[in-house]
Amino acid sequence: MKTTEAAFPIEAVREQFPALQRTYHGKNVAYFDGPGGSQVVKTAIQAIAGYMERGGANLHGSFPTSWETEEIIANAKGAVADFLNVGVNEVAFGANMTTLTIAIANALGKQFNEGDEIVVTEMDHRANVDPWLLMAKDRGLNVRWIKVDTDSLVLDLSDLHEVINEKTKIVAVGLASNAVGTIVDIEPIVKRAKEVGAIFAADAVHAAPHVPLDREKQGIDILLCSAYKFFGPHIGIAAIRESIFKDLEPYKLVPAPSYYPDKLETGTQNHEGIAGIEPAIDFFASFGEGKTRRERILSGLETIEAYENRLAKRLREGLRAIEGVTLFEAAADMPKTPTIAFQIEGQDPAEVCKIMAEEHSIFIAAGHFYASTLADRLDINKTGGWIRAGLAPYNTEEEVDRLIAAVAAL
C-alpha cells in the first residue's frame, strides 16, 4: 500500500523485524548500524528457515528438493532483476560484493594490455577500489583517481576528461558514500566513460536501501550490491550487462558451467540465504503502488526515503546544535543517504560507541568503514575515524531523540 510521509506505518514496520525486540541493560536496543548491515525482515528469516526445514539440495537433481532449490534461485534472480532493472540472465550471486568484485576484476583483466588504464575514486569503500588495483598491478595497467573535494565532500570532476581518456578501460565509482552519505552524481562520469568506450562499474551496496537503482537509465555496465544491507541475508549480488558477461572468463573449476551467469557462481551457493532475497525486495514493494513489482519497488522506496530523510534531518539538526560535535556532510542542497558521520571534540570515537551501548543501549559504530582513502584525505584516522549513525525504516523519532540526548550528555 502507498503511504504518505505523515502516515508512515512505523509500528507495523517494526513488527516485521524480530531483532527490534532485543533489550540490552534493560532498555530496548536502538539500531543505528544499518550502513554496516541492516536488521533482517521477518519474511526473509522465515524463507531462510523454511528452506532448511523442508530439506535443501544441490542443483540439477532428479528429485523435488533440487527442483525447489532451482526455483528459489530463479525467483530470487527475478526479484533482483525487478530491483535493478536488469535481465534475469544478467544476475549472479556470491559470498559478498567484495568477493564478486575480485572475481570480476580478475576476469576482465584478461582482456586488457599493459599500459591500459583504470579509474577509481577517493570517495569509495575499498571493495570498489582494491580489486581493480590488484588486477591493474597484475596486468601492468595504470591507475588514475577521481579526487574528492574535502570541503564539499563530493567528487571533484574538474579534470574528468584527463582522468578518463582514450586509454581508460574501467571506471569504478560508488553510487553513494557509505561513510558520509554523499549520493554521487554519476551522469557526467558515465557519459565520459561511454565517450571513450570504457566499462562503468558501480558499487551500489550503500545506495541500494536508499536510492532507486536503474541499470539502463543510469548507464551502468556492472552493478554490485549486497542483500544484507537491505533487510536480507549475507549474499552478494552482481548484475553484469549481457554483452560483457558473455565474454567474461572468471576463474572456475573445469567441470563448472561455462555459460553466464552460472560461470561466475563458483562452488555451491548459499541456497538458504538466496531464499531470503525475494522477501527482502518485496519489503520495498509492500510500501508502493503499481501494476508491476518494479513499479511498486520504486514507489515503495520513495515512501521509505521520505520517512528516513525526515528522521535524518531531525538527527543532523540535533547533533549540529551540540557544542563540540562536528558533522562530516555535503552541503544541504546535495542529495545524501540518511547516514550521518560525526566526531565529538575530545572524545575517542570507539569509546563514544561503547558508552552509547553500555549506558543508552544505542548501537552505533566507529572507524573508517573501509572508506579509508576518504578518511586519510580528511585526516580523521589519527583521531579514531568517524562515529557513524545510519537510519532505516524501522528507526523512530524517539530513537533519534535518544541518540541526540545521549551525545549531548557527553
Protein backbone atom coordinates (compact mmCIF):
# COMPACT_ATOMS: atom_id res chain seq x y z
CA MET A 1 0.00 0.00 0.00
CA LYS A 2 1.12 3.55 -0.74
CA THR A 3 1.50 5.70 2.35
CA THR A 4 2.09 9.39 2.84
CA GLU A 5 5.06 10.71 4.79
CA ALA A 6 2.83 11.71 7.71
CA ALA A 7 1.13 8.33 7.79
CA PHE A 8 4.24 6.16 7.61
CA PRO A 9 3.22 2.95 9.43
CA ILE A 10 6.21 2.77 11.74
CA GLU A 11 4.63 0.40 14.28
CA ALA A 12 3.62 -2.04 11.53
CA VAL A 13 7.13 -1.81 10.09
CA ARG A 14 8.77 -2.51 13.43
CA GLU A 15 6.62 -5.59 13.93
CA GLN A 16 8.30 -7.06 10.84
CA PHE A 17 11.78 -7.02 12.41
CA PRO A 18 12.22 -9.55 15.24
CA ALA A 19 15.62 -8.09 16.20
CA LEU A 20 13.87 -4.96 17.47
CA GLN A 21 12.58 -6.96 20.42
CA ARG A 22 16.10 -7.20 21.80
CA THR A 23 16.97 -5.40 25.01
CA TYR A 24 20.37 -4.53 26.43
CA HIS A 25 20.88 -3.48 30.05
CA GLY A 26 17.12 -3.36 30.45
CA LYS A 27 16.44 -0.99 27.55
CA ASN A 28 15.17 -1.62 24.03
CA VAL A 29 18.06 -1.55 21.59
CA ALA A 30 18.14 1.30 19.08
CA TYR A 31 19.92 0.10 15.94
CA PHE A 32 21.78 2.86 14.11
CA ASP A 33 24.29 0.48 12.49
CA GLY A 34 22.32 -0.12 9.29
CA PRO A 35 25.11 1.12 6.98
CA GLY A 36 27.19 -1.78 8.27
CA GLY A 37 24.32 -4.23 7.87
CA SER A 38 20.59 -3.84 8.38
CA GLN A 39 18.35 -5.98 10.53
CA VAL A 40 16.54 -8.74 8.65
CA VAL A 41 12.84 -8.60 7.83
CA LYS A 42 10.75 -11.45 9.28
CA THR A 43 9.61 -12.75 5.89
CA ALA A 44 13.23 -13.24 4.82
CA ILE A 45 14.02 -15.07 8.06
CA GLN A 46 11.00 -17.32 7.54
CA ALA A 47 12.02 -18.06 3.96
CA ILE A 48 15.55 -18.99 5.05
CA ALA A 49 14.31 -21.24 7.86
CA GLY A 50 11.57 -22.69 5.68
CA TYR A 51 14.01 -23.76 3.02
CA MET A 52 16.15 -25.55 5.56
CA GLU A 53 13.18 -27.14 7.33
CA ARG A 54 11.73 -28.56 4.10
CA GLY A 55 15.06 -30.04 3.08
CA GLY A 56 17.72 -28.46 0.90
CA ALA A 57 19.58 -29.91 -2.04
CA ASN A 58 22.13 -29.09 -4.68
CA LEU A 59 21.17 -28.29 -8.25
CA HIS A 60 20.42 -30.50 -11.26
CA GLY A 61 18.99 -33.37 -9.23
CA SER A 62 16.08 -35.60 -10.21
CA PHE A 63 14.09 -35.02 -7.03
CA PRO A 64 11.82 -32.32 -5.54
CA THR A 65 14.25 -30.62 -3.15
CA SER A 66 16.66 -30.00 -6.02
CA TRP A 67 13.89 -28.65 -8.26
CA GLU A 68 12.69 -26.42 -5.42
CA THR A 69 16.18 -25.04 -4.92
CA GLU A 70 16.42 -24.15 -8.60
CA GLU A 71 13.02 -22.46 -8.41
CA ILE A 72 14.05 -20.41 -5.36
CA ILE A 73 17.19 -19.22 -7.16
CA ALA A 74 15.18 -18.32 -10.26
CA ASN A 75 12.64 -16.40 -8.18
CA ALA A 76 15.41 -14.54 -6.36
CA LYS A 77 17.01 -13.53 -9.64
CA GLY A 78 13.64 -12.39 -10.92
CA ALA A 79 13.24 -10.17 -7.88
CA VAL A 80 16.76 -8.74 -8.32
CA ALA A 81 16.01 -8.10 -12.00
CA ASP A 82 13.00 -6.03 -10.96
CA PHE A 83 15.00 -4.28 -8.22
CA LEU A 84 17.84 -3.23 -10.54
CA ASN A 85 16.06 -3.16 -13.93
CA VAL A 86 18.29 -5.82 -15.46
CA GLY A 87 17.78 -9.13 -17.23
CA VAL A 88 17.36 -12.26 -15.13
CA ASN A 89 20.23 -13.91 -17.02
CA GLU A 90 22.50 -11.00 -16.06
CA VAL A 91 22.23 -11.66 -12.30
CA ALA A 92 24.81 -13.68 -10.35
CA PHE A 93 25.10 -14.40 -6.65
CA GLY A 94 28.20 -14.80 -4.49
CA ALA A 95 29.53 -14.69 -0.96
CA ASN A 96 29.55 -10.88 -0.87
CA MET A 97 30.16 -7.86 -3.06
CA THR A 98 33.90 -7.87 -2.37
CA THR A 99 34.39 -11.49 -3.44
CA LEU A 100 32.35 -10.95 -6.59
CA THR A 101 34.26 -7.79 -7.50
CA ILE A 102 37.61 -9.54 -7.12
CA ALA A 103 36.40 -12.34 -9.40
CA ILE A 104 35.02 -9.91 -11.99
CA ALA A 105 38.15 -7.73 -11.94
CA ASN A 106 40.42 -10.75 -12.45
CA ALA A 107 38.26 -11.97 -15.32
CA LEU A 108 38.09 -8.59 -17.05
CA GLY A 109 41.82 -8.09 -16.64
CA LYS A 110 42.45 -10.86 -19.16
CA GLN A 111 41.06 -8.54 -21.85
CA PHE A 112 43.43 -5.63 -21.12
CA ASN A 113 47.00 -4.86 -22.08
CA GLU A 114 49.95 -3.27 -20.33
CA GLY A 115 49.61 0.50 -20.43
CA ASP A 116 45.81 0.48 -20.40
CA GLU A 117 44.22 2.49 -17.60
CA ILE A 118 41.55 2.14 -14.93
CA VAL A 119 39.85 4.83 -12.87
CA VAL A 120 38.78 4.63 -9.23
CA THR A 121 37.72 7.30 -6.71
CA GLU A 122 38.89 8.64 -3.38
CA MET A 123 35.34 8.53 -2.02
CA ASP A 124 34.74 4.79 -2.33
CA HIS A 125 34.69 1.85 0.01
CA ARG A 126 37.86 -0.12 -0.75
CA ALA A 127 35.78 -3.03 -2.07
CA ASN A 128 35.30 -0.96 -5.21
CA VAL A 129 38.94 0.12 -5.30
CA ASP A 130 41.34 -2.64 -4.29
CA PRO A 131 40.01 -5.42 -6.56
CA TRP A 132 40.66 -3.12 -9.52
CA LEU A 133 44.05 -2.01 -8.17
CA LEU A 134 45.15 -5.62 -7.68
CA MET A 135 44.09 -6.50 -11.20
CA ALA A 136 45.89 -3.43 -12.56
CA LYS A 137 49.08 -4.41 -10.75
CA ASP A 138 48.94 -7.95 -12.13
CA ARG A 139 48.29 -6.77 -15.70
CA GLY A 140 50.55 -3.73 -15.81
CA LEU A 141 47.71 -1.23 -16.04
CA ASN A 142 47.97 2.38 -14.91
CA VAL A 143 45.62 3.75 -12.26
CA ARG A 144 44.02 7.17 -12.20
CA TRP A 145 41.95 8.61 -9.37
CA ILE A 146 38.90 10.86 -9.32
CA LYS A 147 39.68 13.03 -6.32
CA VAL A 148 37.32 14.13 -3.59
CA ASP A 149 36.78 17.78 -2.70
CA THR A 150 37.49 17.65 1.02
CA ASP A 151 35.49 20.83 1.67
CA SER A 152 32.28 19.89 -0.15
CA LEU A 153 32.61 16.07 0.29
CA VAL A 154 31.70 15.45 -3.36
CA LEU A 155 33.84 14.13 -6.18
CA ASP A 156 35.94 16.72 -7.98
CA LEU A 157 35.14 16.33 -11.68
CA SER A 158 37.09 19.37 -12.88
CA ASP A 159 39.68 17.24 -14.72
CA LEU A 160 37.35 14.38 -15.69
CA HIS A 161 38.37 14.47 -19.37
CA GLU A 162 42.01 13.96 -18.45
CA VAL A 163 41.37 11.29 -15.82
CA ILE A 164 39.08 9.30 -18.14
CA ASN A 165 40.79 9.21 -21.52
CA GLU A 166 41.26 7.05 -24.60
CA LYS A 167 43.36 4.56 -22.61
CA THR A 168 40.69 4.01 -19.94
CA LYS A 169 39.15 0.53 -19.83
CA ILE A 170 37.33 0.51 -16.47
CA VAL A 171 35.74 3.29 -14.43
CA ALA A 172 34.67 2.14 -10.94
CA VAL A 173 32.52 4.50 -8.88
CA GLY A 174 30.36 4.10 -5.78
CA LEU A 175 26.82 5.42 -6.09
CA ALA A 176 26.80 6.70 -2.50
CA SER A 177 29.41 7.10 0.22
CA ASN A 178 29.00 4.54 2.98
CA ALA A 179 30.92 6.88 5.29
CA VAL A 180 29.46 10.37 4.83
CA GLY A 181 26.31 9.59 2.83
CA THR A 182 27.01 11.70 -0.27
CA ILE A 183 24.98 10.45 -3.24
CA VAL A 184 27.26 10.69 -6.25
CA ASP A 185 26.13 12.35 -9.47
CA ILE A 186 27.37 9.67 -11.84
CA GLU A 187 25.79 11.06 -15.03
CA PRO A 188 28.82 13.08 -16.23
CA ILE A 189 31.17 10.24 -15.26
CA VAL A 190 29.13 7.64 -17.15
CA LYS A 191 28.87 9.97 -20.15
CA ARG A 192 32.64 10.41 -20.29
CA ALA A 193 33.24 6.68 -19.82
CA LYS A 194 30.96 5.93 -22.77
CA GLU A 195 32.73 8.50 -24.93
CA VAL A 196 35.98 6.56 -24.62
CA GLY A 197 34.40 3.09 -24.67
CA ALA A 198 35.18 2.25 -21.03
CA ILE A 199 33.17 -0.12 -18.84
CA PHE A 200 31.38 1.56 -15.93
CA ALA A 201 31.27 -0.48 -12.71
CA ALA A 202 29.09 0.78 -9.86
CA ASP A 203 29.18 -0.13 -6.19
CA ALA A 204 25.55 0.14 -5.03
CA VAL A 205 25.99 -1.59 -1.67
CA HIS A 206 25.29 1.52 0.38
CA ALA A 207 22.91 3.05 -2.16
CA ALA A 208 20.59 0.06 -2.59
CA PRO A 209 18.40 0.60 0.51
CA HIS A 210 18.05 4.32 -0.20
CA VAL A 211 18.38 5.15 -3.91
CA PRO A 212 16.27 3.84 -6.81
CA LEU A 213 18.56 1.73 -8.99
CA ASP A 214 18.08 1.51 -12.74
CA ARG A 215 20.90 -0.06 -14.70
CA GLU A 216 19.50 1.07 -18.04
CA LYS A 217 18.63 4.63 -17.06
CA GLN A 218 21.92 5.12 -15.22
CA GLY A 219 24.05 3.57 -17.97
CA ILE A 220 25.82 1.14 -15.66
CA ASP A 221 27.59 -1.93 -17.06
CA ILE A 222 28.46 -3.78 -13.85
CA LEU A 223 26.24 -3.18 -10.82
CA LEU A 224 27.04 -4.70 -7.43
CA CYS A 225 25.16 -4.73 -4.14
CA SER A 226 24.56 -6.94 -1.09
CA ALA A 227 21.24 -8.14 0.30
CA TYR A 228 22.33 -7.78 3.92
CA LYS A 229 22.29 -4.01 3.51
CA PHE A 230 18.60 -4.05 2.52
CA PHE A 231 16.97 -6.26 5.15
CA GLY A 232 18.05 -9.61 3.72
CA PRO A 233 20.77 -12.25 4.18
CA HIS A 234 24.52 -12.04 3.57
CA ILE A 235 24.50 -12.59 -0.20
CA GLY A 236 26.48 -10.61 -2.76
CA ILE A 237 24.70 -9.63 -5.98
CA ALA A 238 26.25 -8.79 -9.35
CA ALA A 239 24.34 -7.63 -12.41
CA ILE A 240 26.56 -7.62 -15.49
CA ARG A 241 25.44 -6.36 -18.88
CA GLU A 242 24.97 -9.34 -21.20
CA SER A 243 27.35 -8.01 -23.86
CA ILE A 244 30.12 -8.02 -21.22
CA PHE A 245 29.05 -11.13 -19.30
CA LYS A 246 29.13 -13.43 -22.33
CA ASP A 247 32.85 -12.80 -22.92
CA LEU A 248 33.87 -12.83 -19.26
CA GLU A 249 36.25 -15.64 -18.30
CA PRO A 250 36.20 -15.99 -14.50
CA TYR A 251 38.45 -18.44 -12.72
CA LYS A 252 36.39 -21.58 -12.21
CA LEU A 253 36.60 -25.36 -11.95
CA VAL A 254 36.85 -27.19 -15.28
CA PRO A 255 33.53 -29.09 -14.99
CA ALA A 256 31.63 -26.00 -13.81
CA PRO A 257 29.26 -24.28 -16.27
CA SER A 258 30.90 -22.08 -18.89
CA TYR A 259 27.71 -20.14 -19.62
CA TYR A 260 26.58 -16.99 -17.82
CA PRO A 261 25.54 -16.18 -15.18
CA ASP A 262 26.48 -19.57 -13.70
CA LYS A 263 30.15 -19.31 -14.64
CA LEU A 264 30.62 -16.54 -12.07
CA GLU A 265 28.89 -18.52 -9.31
CA THR A 266 31.77 -20.75 -8.28
CA GLY A 267 31.05 -23.66 -5.95
CA THR A 268 27.80 -24.46 -4.21
CA GLN A 269 25.89 -21.30 -3.43
CA ASN A 270 24.25 -20.30 -0.15
CA HIS A 271 20.84 -21.61 -1.15
CA GLU A 272 19.14 -20.91 2.15
CA GLY A 273 20.42 -17.33 2.05
CA ILE A 274 19.26 -16.87 -1.52
CA ALA A 275 15.78 -17.90 -0.35
CA GLY A 276 15.70 -14.68 1.71
CA ILE A 277 16.42 -12.28 -1.15
CA GLU A 278 12.98 -12.13 -2.76
CA PRO A 279 11.18 -11.38 0.54
CA ALA A 280 13.69 -8.62 1.30
CA ILE A 281 13.00 -6.96 -2.05
CA ASP A 282 9.26 -7.48 -1.64
CA PHE A 283 9.52 -5.50 1.61
CA PHE A 284 10.19 -2.37 -0.50
CA ALA A 285 7.34 -3.22 -2.86
CA SER A 286 4.91 -3.56 0.05
CA PHE A 287 5.03 0.22 0.54
CA GLY A 288 4.34 1.06 -3.09
CA GLU A 289 1.70 1.14 -5.76
CA GLY A 290 1.78 -0.03 -9.36
CA LYS A 291 0.86 -2.84 -11.70
CA THR A 292 4.32 -4.43 -11.72
CA ARG A 293 6.72 -5.28 -8.92
CA ARG A 294 9.23 -2.87 -10.44
CA GLU A 295 6.72 -0.03 -10.16
CA ARG A 296 5.86 -0.98 -6.59
CA ILE A 297 9.54 -1.15 -5.62
CA LEU A 298 10.20 2.37 -6.94
CA SER A 299 7.06 3.72 -5.30
CA GLY A 300 7.90 1.98 -2.03
CA LEU A 301 11.45 3.33 -1.99
CA GLU A 302 10.07 6.83 -2.41
CA THR A 303 7.83 6.36 0.62
CA ILE A 304 10.61 4.88 2.75
CA GLU A 305 13.07 7.59 1.83
CA ALA A 306 10.65 10.38 2.67
CA TYR A 307 10.39 8.93 6.16
CA GLU A 308 14.12 8.22 6.56
CA ASN A 309 15.10 11.67 5.31
CA ARG A 310 12.72 13.29 7.80
CA LEU A 311 14.47 11.40 10.60
CA ALA A 312 17.88 12.26 9.16
CA LYS A 313 17.03 15.96 9.11
CA ARG A 314 15.99 15.74 12.77
CA LEU A 315 19.22 13.93 13.69
CA ARG A 316 21.51 16.26 11.76
CA GLU A 317 19.91 19.36 13.25
CA GLY A 318 20.03 17.90 16.74
CA LEU A 319 23.70 16.93 16.51
CA ARG A 320 24.67 20.20 14.86
CA ALA A 321 23.23 22.12 17.80
CA ILE A 322 25.53 20.37 20.30
CA GLU A 323 28.74 22.21 21.10
CA GLY A 324 31.83 20.20 20.21
CA VAL A 325 30.13 18.00 17.62
CA THR A 326 31.44 18.17 14.04
CA LEU A 327 29.39 16.67 11.21
CA PHE A 328 31.06 15.43 8.02
CA GLU A 329 28.48 16.03 5.32
CA ALA A 330 27.95 17.55 1.92
CA ALA A 331 26.04 20.82 1.57
CA ALA A 332 22.35 20.91 2.42
CA ASP A 333 21.35 21.01 -1.25
CA MET A 334 23.35 17.87 -2.09
CA PRO A 335 21.47 14.56 -2.02
CA LYS A 336 22.53 12.25 0.80
CA THR A 337 21.55 8.92 2.23
CA PRO A 338 20.30 9.02 5.85
CA THR A 339 23.84 8.29 7.06
CA ILE A 340 25.48 10.75 9.42
CA ALA A 341 29.22 10.80 10.20
CA PHE A 342 30.47 12.93 13.06
CA GLN A 343 33.12 13.41 15.72
CA ILE A 344 32.93 14.79 19.25
CA GLU A 345 35.72 17.07 20.37
CA GLY A 346 37.99 15.40 22.90
CA GLN A 347 36.20 12.03 22.65
CA ASP A 348 37.60 8.83 21.15
CA PRO A 349 35.01 7.53 18.63
CA ALA A 350 35.29 3.91 19.76
CA GLU A 351 34.83 4.93 23.39
CA VAL A 352 31.79 7.00 22.45
CA CYS A 353 30.23 3.95 20.81
CA LYS A 354 30.90 1.87 23.93
CA ILE A 355 29.23 4.47 26.12
CA MET A 356 26.26 4.60 23.74
CA ALA A 357 25.83 0.84 24.01
CA GLU A 358 26.51 0.39 27.72
CA GLU A 359 24.65 3.42 29.05
CA HIS A 360 21.98 4.04 26.44
CA SER A 361 21.51 0.73 24.55
CA ILE A 362 22.20 2.58 21.30
CA PHE A 363 24.22 0.66 18.72
CA ILE A 364 26.41 2.85 16.51
CA ALA A 365 29.85 2.22 15.07
CA ALA A 366 33.21 3.97 14.77
CA GLY A 367 36.12 3.79 12.32
CA HIS A 368 36.88 4.46 8.68
CA PHE A 369 34.38 1.85 7.45
CA TYR A 370 36.75 0.82 4.66
CA ALA A 371 36.40 4.26 3.09
CA SER A 372 40.00 4.61 4.19
CA THR A 373 41.16 6.87 1.35
CA LEU A 374 38.46 9.42 2.18
CA ALA A 375 39.35 9.11 5.87
CA ASP A 376 43.00 9.77 5.04
CA ARG A 377 42.14 12.79 2.90
CA LEU A 378 40.07 14.21 5.76
CA ASP A 379 42.84 13.34 8.24
CA ILE A 380 40.43 11.68 10.64
CA ASN A 381 42.15 8.32 11.04
CA LYS A 382 44.57 9.88 13.52
CA THR A 383 41.64 10.57 15.82
CA GLY A 384 39.90 7.21 15.56
CA GLY A 385 37.77 7.76 12.48
CA TRP A 386 34.12 8.77 12.36
CA ILE A 387 31.19 7.95 14.57
CA ARG A 388 28.51 6.84 12.11
CA ALA A 389 24.76 6.69 12.64
CA GLY A 390 22.59 5.33 9.86
CA LEU A 391 18.81 5.35 9.68
CA ALA A 392 16.49 2.61 8.44
CA PRO A 393 12.70 2.48 8.07
CA TYR A 394 12.44 0.72 11.43
CA ASN A 395 14.02 3.62 13.33
CA THR A 396 11.78 6.05 15.20
CA GLU A 397 11.74 9.70 16.22
CA GLU A 398 12.07 8.57 19.82
CA GLU A 399 15.27 6.69 18.99
CA VAL A 400 16.66 9.72 17.18
CA ASP A 401 15.94 11.89 20.19
CA ARG A 402 17.58 9.27 22.45
CA LEU A 403 20.74 9.46 20.38
CA ILE A 404 20.81 13.24 20.35
CA ALA A 405 20.30 13.36 24.14
CA ALA A 406 22.99 10.72 24.70
CA VAL A 407 25.52 12.67 22.63
CA ALA A 408 24.60 15.89 24.43
CA ALA A 409 25.20 14.14 27.76
CA LEU A 410 28.84 13.60 26.78
